[in-house]
Each structure stands twice: as structure tokens, then as C-alpha cells.
């Protein structure tokens, strides 16, 4: 537990979990003048074992799902407000390239044909690129049959800056952010929480934002949505300095072949290695079925050699100028079967965000605003029925 903070006996709002969702909720409450907020984090804020760790996340409106596309547009509007609150740039707009194979099946990130159809319907600007045009424009090695879509208004959220901004906002408002303070259980009516040391905090509202650990807290109440935990691999690679200005943000679609799930992504050069070399972040956007678990404590935290081999093979053969892998990380994704989130009120005093499915950070201001509204006993500003905890995909 944080040495300078002792948990109170009661609070207007208790937030369980100190990652993206919990901190964005706290910051939104702070901007509405609500200071009687206690946020409880079992480890440290946005820690490396959870899903909000790292320096970058993608933001985009390029979706095959028209509802997610519209919600992404609303999130981007709120990101602009967030940057005004922060007084600093929280996103880098450098575009996003979807490229690869086109086939009549949606992946967890959508598809090239589906994204093109939705962007046409919603008048979102993009460029259609051939394999030759992709190779000429970027240091990538697309296969001859690949096609691409480039969304110029997409880019990267500087997630580490965002976490720091929300933390400052909450603390400056007088809210209590208590680290190393694990919650053992939630009251059946949502009216409070009990800590692992036995201390009880009564609450007007409880907001659960504990990611893959939400299941363990909600299962005793019969309110746990159906989720899987996927351990997802990403890494940093140093690159040729002469090419560092040309790397795009990209997502490559390929059909599954054997144990290669085919979906890969990467970022431009946004940081340097410890010895000052430019580096890119790249990752695999699938987890083998044998690594997927229901119990978050059973997740494999060590990068499996075969996944590292597949990521290395893709990077060294599909991206020019890649030199050396210098950091390898496993992040937990809390996955629903329809790859949509759960953001909903579970009862009159209890709200939940879970099932981020690796896509949640780009929606962070919308998630935080929506959770804060629920905690204030208001309706969300936009229709979030697609994220209902009652939908078939997340009910047992």
C-alpha cells in the first residue's frame, strides 16, 4: 500500500483498477468537480503486467464495423478536448496503413474490404494503394497481391503521457490514488469494497476497471462477463537511421497459415533504444489457442520462443532496415468473443469496463467520460448498447 495514503472508510466513488479505464474515469470525475474519489490499484498505475503499459497505442477511424467507426470519431473529438485540458500533444498524427491480403472474412481488427466500405459510407478520407505504391512509399516489402488503404488522419496515442496527465488531473483534484492496495471483494449490492487486509470502504458508487482481473472480483456476485485472457507479444526493434523518417504506422492482414496467425502491426520511429538508436514497436495480433486462459493468474508471462520466432521472421523479411530486437514484452488482452468491450452499469451502484480486446486505449476519453457519467447516475452521452453486459457474446 502507498506509504503516504491510508484508505478511508467511505468515499463517493471507489474505482478498482489503475489502468487506462480507471484513470480516465477518475480524471473525468475530477473535471466535474468530484474529489471524493478513491482509486485502488493492486500493483502500480499502468504497470507492466497489465494492459495499459507502454508508450504508444494506435488511434484510427478505419473500422469494418460502422458502429465502432462512429464511436472512434466521437473518441477522437474527446481526444482533442483531452489535449486542451492537458495543454500538450497527446497524439501523433502520421497516418495508418492497412495492407495485405483481402478476403471475405473479418479478423479481430476488421478487414481491408470492410474498412474501405465503411469509410466510403461515412466519408472518411483514405488513399487506396497497390503493392507497388506501398513499396515505393514506405520501407515495406509487400507481396505482389497485397493492396492497401492509408488513413491520413490516424496515428499514435502517446499512452505514457496520457497516463501521466490523468494521474496529475486526479491528484490535483484531491482524489486518492492508492497503489499496492488490492481489493479482495465487492459488496453484493455494489455499495463498497473489502481490501485484502480486511479494511472495508463504503461507496456511493463502485467502478470496476481491473481488466483481466475483473472476472475474479465479479464472479462471486454472478456478474462476471464471459472473457478470455490472451497473452499478446510485442517488441522493439532498432532500425536503419537513414530510413527512420519513412516508417509508417501499419497493420498487415494475412490469412492464418499453420501456427502463423498472419496478423502483424507496427509503429513509426517514436523513441530510441537505451544506446540512442531509432527503434520501432511491432507486434503479433493473435494468441495461439493453447495460450488463451480464463484465469488471469494462469497467463503465460514469458514470451514463447515460437511467437518470437514468427515476429522476428515477419519483421526481418517484410520491413526494410530492421536491425535488432532489443525488448520483448507480453501484454494481457481481455477478449470478448465478438471483440467488443463491456461498458455498462451492472446494478444501481456498480459499473464495469472490461474486455478491452487490445483496442480500448484509442477509445479512452469516451470510456472515461462514460464511466464517470454512470458513476454520477447519468446516462452515457452516446449509445453504447453494443458494449452491453447483457449481450449474448459475454453472457454465460
Protein backbone atom coordinates (compact mmCIF):
# COMPACT_ATOMS: atom_id res chain seq x y z
CA UNK A 1 0.00 0.00 0.00
CA UNK A 2 1.23 3.52 -0.72
CA UNK A 3 3.08 4.59 2.45
CA UNK A 4 1.62 8.11 2.47
CA UNK A 5 -2.00 7.09 1.85
CA UNK A 6 -4.35 5.12 4.05
CA UNK A 7 -7.69 4.08 2.60
CA UNK A 8 -10.68 5.91 4.07
CA UNK A 9 -13.81 4.26 5.49
CA UNK A 10 -16.06 5.73 2.81
CA UNK A 11 -16.00 7.62 -0.49
CA UNK A 12 -18.46 8.90 -3.06
CA UNK A 13 -16.81 6.78 -5.78
CA UNK A 14 -14.41 3.85 -5.47
CA UNK A 15 -12.57 2.85 -8.67
CA UNK A 16 -10.99 -0.61 -8.68
CA UNK A 17 -8.04 -0.67 -11.09
CA UNK A 18 -5.45 1.93 -12.04
CA UNK A 19 -5.01 1.45 -15.77
CA UNK A 20 -6.38 3.36 -18.73
CA UNK A 21 -10.07 2.98 -17.87
CA UNK A 22 -9.80 3.70 -14.16
CA UNK A 23 -7.55 6.73 -14.56
CA UNK A 24 -9.59 8.20 -17.41
CA UNK A 25 -12.73 7.80 -15.28
CA UNK A 26 -11.02 9.48 -12.33
CA UNK A 27 -9.83 12.38 -14.47
CA UNK A 28 -13.31 12.86 -15.93
CA UNK A 29 -14.83 12.90 -12.45
CA UNK A 30 -12.20 15.42 -11.38
CA UNK A 31 -13.17 17.76 -14.21
CA UNK A 32 -16.76 17.58 -12.96
CA UNK A 33 -15.67 18.71 -9.51
CA UNK A 34 -15.90 15.31 -7.83
CA UNK A 35 -12.93 14.94 -5.50
CA UNK A 36 -14.25 12.31 -3.08
CA UNK A 37 -12.84 9.51 -5.21
CA UNK A 38 -10.60 6.62 -4.17
CA UNK A 39 -8.80 4.65 -6.87
CA UNK A 40 -7.31 1.34 -5.72
CA UNK A 41 -4.54 -0.38 -7.67
CA UNK A 42 -3.14 -3.75 -6.59
CA UNK A 43 0.30 -3.01 -8.07
CA UNK A 44 1.32 0.31 -9.60
CA UNK A 45 -0.57 2.54 -12.00
CA UNK A 46 -0.47 1.19 -15.58
CA UNK A 47 2.03 -1.48 -14.53
CA UNK A 48 3.85 -3.80 -16.91
CA UNK A 49 1.71 -6.85 -16.02
CA UNK A 50 -1.47 -5.12 -17.13
CA UNK A 51 -2.86 -3.82 -20.42
CA UNK A 52 -2.15 -0.07 -20.20
CA UNK A 53 1.64 -0.32 -20.04
CA UNK A 54 3.84 1.17 -22.77
CA UNK A 55 4.49 4.33 -24.70
CA UNK A 56 2.16 4.05 -27.71
CA UNK A 57 -1.25 2.87 -28.89
CA UNK A 58 -2.95 3.33 -32.27
CA UNK A 59 -5.89 5.61 -32.91
CA UNK A 60 -7.94 5.40 -36.07
CA UNK A 61 -11.38 5.56 -37.60
CA UNK A 62 -10.62 2.81 -40.15
CA UNK A 63 -13.05 0.11 -39.00
CA UNK A 64 -15.09 -2.53 -40.76
CA UNK A 65 -17.82 -2.05 -38.13
CA UNK A 66 -19.81 1.16 -38.79
CA UNK A 67 -20.77 1.47 -35.11
CA UNK A 68 -17.14 1.30 -33.94
CA UNK A 69 -16.22 3.74 -36.68
CA UNK A 70 -18.73 6.29 -35.36
CA UNK A 71 -17.61 5.71 -31.76
CA UNK A 72 -13.98 6.20 -32.83
CA UNK A 73 -14.96 9.54 -34.34
CA UNK A 74 -16.55 10.55 -31.04
CA UNK A 75 -13.45 9.38 -29.16
CA UNK A 76 -11.23 11.48 -31.42
CA UNK A 77 -13.39 14.53 -30.70
CA UNK A 78 -12.87 13.88 -26.99
CA UNK A 79 -9.13 13.34 -27.53
CA UNK A 80 -8.94 16.91 -28.85
CA UNK A 81 -10.64 18.13 -25.68
CA UNK A 82 -8.27 15.99 -23.62
CA UNK A 83 -5.27 17.64 -25.26
CA UNK A 84 -6.73 21.05 -24.43
CA UNK A 85 -7.08 20.00 -20.79
CA UNK A 86 -3.53 18.65 -20.76
CA UNK A 87 -2.01 21.63 -22.51
CA UNK A 88 0.19 19.28 -24.51
CA UNK A 89 0.09 16.99 -27.50
CA UNK A 90 -1.06 13.52 -26.52
CA UNK A 91 -1.23 12.05 -30.04
CA UNK A 92 0.97 11.98 -33.12
CA UNK A 93 -0.97 12.14 -36.39
CA UNK A 94 1.09 10.40 -39.06
CA UNK A 95 -1.49 8.17 -40.74
CA UNK A 96 -2.12 4.44 -40.67
CA UNK A 97 -1.62 1.87 -43.41
CA UNK A 98 -3.88 -1.19 -43.59
CA UNK A 99 -2.25 -3.54 -46.11
CA UNK A 100 -2.07 -7.18 -47.04
CA UNK A 101 -4.48 -9.80 -48.32
CA UNK A 102 -8.16 -9.12 -49.00
CA UNK A 103 -10.60 -11.91 -48.31
CA UNK A 104 -14.24 -12.19 -47.27
CA UNK A 105 -13.73 -12.70 -43.57
CA UNK A 106 -13.39 -10.27 -40.69
CA UNK A 107 -10.42 -10.55 -38.32
CA UNK A 108 -10.24 -9.07 -34.81
CA UNK A 109 -9.01 -5.85 -36.47
CA UNK A 110 -11.57 -5.94 -39.30
CA UNK A 111 -10.55 -6.31 -42.93
CA UNK A 112 -9.36 -4.21 -45.84
CA UNK A 113 -12.58 -4.59 -47.91
CA UNK A 114 -14.77 -3.97 -44.85
CA UNK A 115 -12.84 -0.87 -43.79
CA UNK A 116 -13.00 0.56 -47.30
CA UNK A 117 -16.76 0.04 -47.44
CA UNK A 118 -17.37 1.73 -44.07
CA UNK A 119 -15.05 4.66 -44.81
CA UNK A 120 -16.86 5.23 -48.10
CA UNK A 121 -20.19 5.21 -46.27
CA UNK A 122 -19.01 7.63 -43.58
CA UNK A 123 -16.91 9.89 -45.85
CA UNK A 124 -13.63 9.24 -44.04
CA UNK A 125 -10.66 10.17 -46.22
CA UNK A 126 -8.25 7.46 -47.32
CA UNK A 127 -5.92 6.51 -50.16
CA UNK A 128 -6.14 3.16 -51.92
CA UNK A 129 -2.65 1.83 -52.69
CA UNK A 130 -1.30 -1.01 -54.80
CA UNK A 131 1.57 -3.25 -53.73
CA UNK A 132 3.92 -1.24 -55.96
CA UNK A 133 2.77 2.06 -54.46
CA UNK A 134 3.21 0.74 -50.91
CA UNK A 135 6.77 -0.41 -51.65
CA UNK A 136 7.66 2.90 -53.30
CA UNK A 137 6.31 5.00 -50.44
CA UNK A 138 7.37 3.04 -47.38
CA UNK A 139 10.28 0.76 -46.37
CA UNK A 140 7.99 -2.28 -46.55
CA UNK A 141 8.17 -5.38 -48.72
CA UNK A 142 4.57 -6.20 -49.64
CA UNK A 143 3.77 -9.31 -51.66
CA UNK A 144 2.65 -8.60 -55.25
CA UNK A 145 -1.00 -9.44 -54.47
CA UNK A 146 -1.19 -7.10 -51.45
CA UNK A 147 -3.34 -3.97 -51.51
CA UNK A 148 -3.55 -1.14 -49.03
CA UNK A 149 -5.62 1.65 -47.50
CA UNK A 150 -3.93 4.66 -45.94
CA UNK A 151 -5.91 6.77 -43.44
CA UNK A 152 -4.02 10.09 -43.16
CA UNK A 153 -5.83 11.33 -40.02
CA UNK A 154 -4.89 8.28 -37.90
CA UNK A 155 -1.80 7.96 -35.73
CA UNK A 156 -0.44 7.04 -32.31
CA UNK A 157 -1.64 7.90 -28.82
CA UNK A 158 1.32 8.65 -26.56
CA UNK A 159 -0.13 6.44 -23.85
CA UNK A 160 2.60 7.06 -21.27
CA UNK A 161 1.96 10.82 -21.50
CA UNK A 162 -1.77 10.26 -21.22
CA UNK A 163 -1.42 8.14 -18.07
CA UNK A 164 0.75 10.86 -16.50
CA UNK A 165 -1.79 13.56 -17.46
CA UNK A 166 -4.75 11.69 -15.95
CA UNK A 167 -2.75 10.92 -12.80
CA UNK A 168 -1.91 14.61 -12.33
CA UNK A 169 -5.51 15.64 -13.01
CA UNK A 170 -6.91 13.24 -10.40
CA UNK A 171 -4.33 14.03 -7.73
CA UNK A 172 -4.58 17.79 -8.29
CA UNK A 173 -8.32 17.49 -7.68
CA UNK A 174 -7.66 15.85 -4.30
CA UNK A 175 -8.61 12.32 -5.28
CA UNK A 176 -6.79 9.42 -3.61
CA UNK A 177 -4.87 7.13 -5.95
CA UNK A 178 -3.62 4.28 -3.75
CA UNK A 179 -1.11 1.81 -5.17
CA UNK A 180 -0.22 -1.63 -3.79
CA UNK A 181 -3.74 -1.87 -2.40
CA UNK A 182 -5.54 -5.00 -3.57
CA UNK A 183 -9.29 -5.47 -3.37
CA UNK A 184 -10.47 -8.85 -2.07
CA UNK A 185 -14.18 -8.46 -2.77
CA UNK A 186 -17.05 -6.22 -3.76
CA UNK A 187 -20.26 -5.87 -1.73
CA UNK A 188 -23.16 -7.75 -3.29
CA UNK A 189 -25.10 -4.51 -3.81
CA UNK A 190 -22.03 -2.63 -5.14
CA UNK A 191 -22.08 -0.41 -2.08
CA UNK A 192 -18.46 -0.88 -1.11
CA UNK A 193 -15.30 -2.97 -1.31
CA UNK A 194 -13.22 -5.02 1.09
CA UNK A 195 -9.45 -4.86 0.84
CA UNK A 196 -7.14 -7.85 1.21
CA UNK A 197 -6.17 -6.57 4.67
CA UNK A 198 -9.83 -6.68 5.73
CA UNK A 199 -10.49 -2.93 5.63
CA UNK A 200 -13.89 -2.00 4.20
CA UNK A 201 -14.68 1.13 2.19
CA UNK A 202 -18.32 2.09 1.81
CA UNK A 203 -19.08 3.77 -1.53
CA UNK A 204 -21.90 5.58 -3.22
CA UNK A 205 -20.71 4.05 -6.48
CA UNK A 206 -18.13 1.38 -7.36
CA UNK A 207 -16.50 1.34 -10.80
CA UNK A 208 -14.61 -1.85 -11.71
CA UNK A 209 -11.81 -1.26 -14.22
CA UNK A 210 -9.41 -4.03 -13.24
CA UNK A 211 -9.00 -5.52 -16.70
CA UNK A 212 -8.30 -9.23 -16.80
CA UNK A 213 -8.78 -9.44 -13.02
CA UNK A 214 -12.37 -8.14 -13.17
CA UNK A 215 -13.58 -11.71 -13.53
CA UNK A 216 -12.23 -12.75 -10.15
CA UNK A 217 -14.00 -9.87 -8.40
CA UNK A 218 -17.33 -10.20 -10.19
CA UNK A 219 -17.70 -13.99 -10.28
CA UNK A 220 -18.84 -14.24 -6.61
CA UNK A 221 -21.63 -11.76 -7.47
CA UNK A 222 -22.72 -13.73 -10.53
CA UNK A 223 -21.89 -10.70 -12.68
CA UNK A 224 -18.70 -11.74 -14.47
CA UNK A 225 -18.96 -11.43 -18.27
CA UNK A 226 -17.55 -14.20 -20.45
CA UNK A 227 -13.96 -13.26 -21.29
CA UNK A 228 -10.70 -14.92 -22.30
CA UNK A 229 -7.21 -13.71 -21.47
CA UNK A 230 -4.87 -13.66 -24.48
CA UNK A 231 -1.12 -13.15 -23.87
CA UNK A 232 -0.02 -10.86 -26.73
CA UNK A 233 3.56 -10.40 -27.87
CA UNK A 234 5.15 -7.11 -28.90
CA UNK A 235 8.73 -5.94 -29.18
CA UNK A 236 11.01 -3.04 -30.04
CA UNK A 237 13.44 -3.30 -32.96
CA UNK A 238 16.23 -0.92 -33.84
CA UNK A 239 16.22 0.27 -37.46
CA UNK A 240 18.44 1.90 -40.07
CA UNK A 241 18.70 5.62 -39.15
CA UNK A 242 18.63 6.57 -42.84
CA UNK A 243 15.08 5.16 -43.07
CA UNK A 244 13.71 6.36 -39.74
CA UNK A 245 11.56 9.15 -41.21
CA UNK A 246 9.85 6.78 -43.67
CA UNK A 247 8.43 4.06 -41.44
CA UNK A 248 4.64 4.17 -41.32
CA UNK A 249 2.20 3.00 -38.73
CA UNK A 250 0.83 -0.17 -40.25
CA UNK A 251 -1.33 -3.23 -39.82
CA UNK A 252 -0.75 -6.26 -42.06
CA UNK A 253 -3.62 -8.64 -42.84
CA UNK A 254 -2.73 -12.20 -43.86
CA UNK A 255 -4.76 -15.36 -43.58
CA UNK A 256 -3.80 -17.90 -40.97
CA UNK A 257 -1.28 -20.48 -42.19
CA UNK A 258 -0.40 -23.30 -39.83
CA UNK A 259 0.61 -21.80 -36.49
CA UNK A 260 1.13 -18.34 -38.04
CA UNK A 261 -1.96 -16.26 -37.30
CA UNK A 262 -0.94 -13.81 -40.02
CA UNK A 263 -1.86 -10.52 -38.29
CA UNK A 264 1.01 -8.14 -37.51
CA UNK A 265 1.29 -4.44 -36.69
CA UNK A 266 3.94 -1.78 -36.27
CA UNK A 267 4.58 1.85 -35.41
CA UNK A 268 6.88 4.53 -36.84
CA UNK A 269 10.04 5.57 -35.03
CA UNK A 270 8.74 7.31 -31.91
CA UNK A 271 11.57 6.59 -29.48
CA UNK A 272 15.15 5.39 -29.17
CA UNK A 273 16.88 2.40 -27.64
CA UNK A 274 18.92 2.86 -24.47
CA UNK A 275 22.03 3.44 -26.57
CA UNK A 276 20.34 6.09 -28.74
CA UNK A 277 19.37 4.11 -31.85
CA UNK A 278 16.00 4.71 -33.52
CA UNK A 279 13.51 1.92 -32.84
CA UNK A 280 10.07 0.82 -33.92
CA UNK A 281 7.44 -1.09 -31.96
CA UNK A 282 5.90 -4.13 -33.65
CA UNK A 283 3.70 -6.96 -32.50
CA UNK A 284 1.58 -10.00 -33.20
CA UNK A 285 -2.19 -9.54 -33.10
CA UNK A 286 -3.25 -13.05 -32.17
CA UNK A 287 -2.60 -15.58 -29.44
CA UNK A 288 -2.46 -19.34 -30.07
CA UNK A 289 -5.48 -21.13 -28.62
CA UNK A 290 -3.33 -23.16 -26.25
CA UNK A 291 -2.15 -19.93 -24.57
CA UNK A 292 -5.62 -18.47 -24.02
CA UNK A 293 -6.89 -18.85 -20.46
CA UNK A 294 -9.89 -17.92 -18.34
CA UNK A 295 -7.88 -17.36 -15.14
CA UNK A 296 -5.68 -14.24 -15.43
CA UNK A 297 -3.22 -15.68 -12.94
CA UNK A 298 -2.62 -18.62 -15.30
CA UNK A 299 -1.45 -16.43 -18.19
CA UNK A 300 1.97 -17.15 -19.65
CA UNK A 301 4.12 -14.08 -18.94
CA UNK A 302 7.27 -15.33 -20.67
CA UNK A 303 7.41 -14.74 -24.46
CA UNK A 304 7.06 -18.16 -26.15
CA UNK A 305 10.03 -18.89 -28.40
CA UNK A 306 7.83 -19.79 -31.37
CA UNK A 307 5.93 -16.48 -31.25
CA UNK A 308 9.18 -14.54 -31.00
CA UNK A 309 10.46 -16.51 -33.99
CA UNK A 310 7.34 -15.67 -36.02
CA UNK A 311 7.53 -11.97 -35.16
CA UNK A 312 11.25 -11.85 -35.99
CA UNK A 313 10.64 -13.65 -39.28
CA UNK A 314 7.94 -11.19 -40.30
CA UNK A 315 9.92 -8.08 -39.34
CA UNK A 316 13.23 -9.12 -40.87
CA UNK A 317 11.58 -10.30 -44.10
CA UNK A 318 8.79 -7.74 -44.55
CA UNK A 319 10.27 -4.47 -43.27
CA UNK A 320 13.44 -2.87 -44.61
CA UNK A 321 16.22 -1.70 -42.33
CA UNK A 322 15.31 -3.75 -39.26
CA UNK A 323 18.48 -4.39 -37.28
CA UNK A 324 17.96 -5.93 -33.85
CA UNK A 325 15.19 -6.85 -31.41
CA UNK A 326 16.04 -5.01 -28.19
CA UNK A 327 12.98 -5.57 -25.95
CA UNK A 328 10.26 -8.23 -25.87
CA UNK A 329 7.04 -7.89 -23.86
CA UNK A 330 3.92 -9.97 -23.22
CA UNK A 331 0.75 -7.94 -22.59
CA UNK A 332 -2.58 -9.40 -21.43
CA UNK A 333 -5.59 -8.76 -23.63
CA UNK A 334 -9.01 -9.26 -22.07
CA UNK A 335 -11.01 -10.62 -25.02
CA UNK A 336 -14.71 -10.98 -25.70
CA UNK A 337 -15.86 -13.38 -28.41
CA UNK A 338 -17.20 -10.50 -30.54
CA UNK A 339 -14.11 -8.32 -29.86
CA UNK A 340 -16.34 -5.60 -28.40
CA UNK A 341 -15.92 -4.10 -24.94
CA UNK A 342 -18.10 -4.37 -21.87
CA UNK A 343 -19.03 -0.93 -20.54
CA UNK A 344 -22.24 -0.95 -18.59
CA UNK A 345 -24.00 -0.47 -15.29
CA UNK A 346 -24.33 -3.88 -13.56
CA UNK A 347 -26.66 -2.62 -10.83
CA UNK A 348 -27.63 0.71 -9.31
CA UNK A 349 -24.27 1.14 -7.56
CA UNK A 350 -21.86 -0.87 -9.71
CA UNK A 351 -20.41 -0.17 -13.17
CA UNK A 352 -17.85 -2.08 -15.22
CA UNK A 353 -15.38 -1.66 -18.03
CA UNK A 354 -13.71 -4.89 -19.24
CA UNK A 355 -12.94 -6.82 -22.38
CA UNK A 356 -10.70 -4.15 -23.92
CA UNK A 357 -9.62 -6.68 -26.54
CA UNK A 358 -6.45 -4.74 -27.31
CA UNK A 359 -8.37 -1.87 -28.87
CA UNK A 360 -9.55 0.13 -25.87
CA UNK A 361 -6.90 2.84 -25.49
CA UNK A 362 -7.96 4.65 -28.66
CA UNK A 363 -11.44 4.98 -27.10
CA UNK A 364 -10.07 6.06 -23.70
CA UNK A 365 -11.67 9.52 -23.37
CA UNK A 366 -15.04 8.08 -24.35
CA UNK A 367 -14.61 5.20 -21.89
CA UNK A 368 -13.62 7.54 -19.06
CA UNK A 369 -16.42 10.01 -19.79
CA UNK A 370 -18.98 7.20 -19.97
CA UNK A 371 -17.87 5.55 -16.73
CA UNK A 372 -17.85 8.92 -14.97
CA UNK A 373 -21.41 9.59 -16.15
CA UNK A 374 -22.56 6.21 -14.85
CA UNK A 375 -20.87 6.96 -11.53
CA UNK A 376 -22.81 10.25 -11.44
CA UNK A 377 -26.05 8.34 -12.09
CA UNK A 378 -26.36 9.76 -15.58
CA UNK A 379 -26.79 8.13 -18.96
CA UNK A 380 -23.84 7.92 -21.32
CA UNK A 381 -23.59 10.70 -23.90
CA UNK A 382 -23.78 8.27 -26.82
CA UNK A 383 -25.48 4.93 -27.37
CA UNK A 384 -23.18 2.20 -26.03
CA UNK A 385 -25.62 -0.68 -26.31
CA UNK A 386 -23.03 -2.53 -28.42
CA UNK A 387 -20.96 -2.74 -25.19
CA UNK A 388 -23.80 -4.06 -23.01
CA UNK A 389 -23.01 -6.73 -20.43
CA UNK A 390 -26.31 -8.37 -21.34
CA UNK A 391 -25.43 -9.20 -24.95
CA UNK A 392 -25.13 -12.83 -25.92
CA UNK A 393 -21.40 -12.74 -26.62
CA UNK A 394 -20.48 -12.08 -22.99
CA UNK A 395 -23.21 -13.97 -21.15
CA UNK A 396 -22.56 -17.48 -19.90
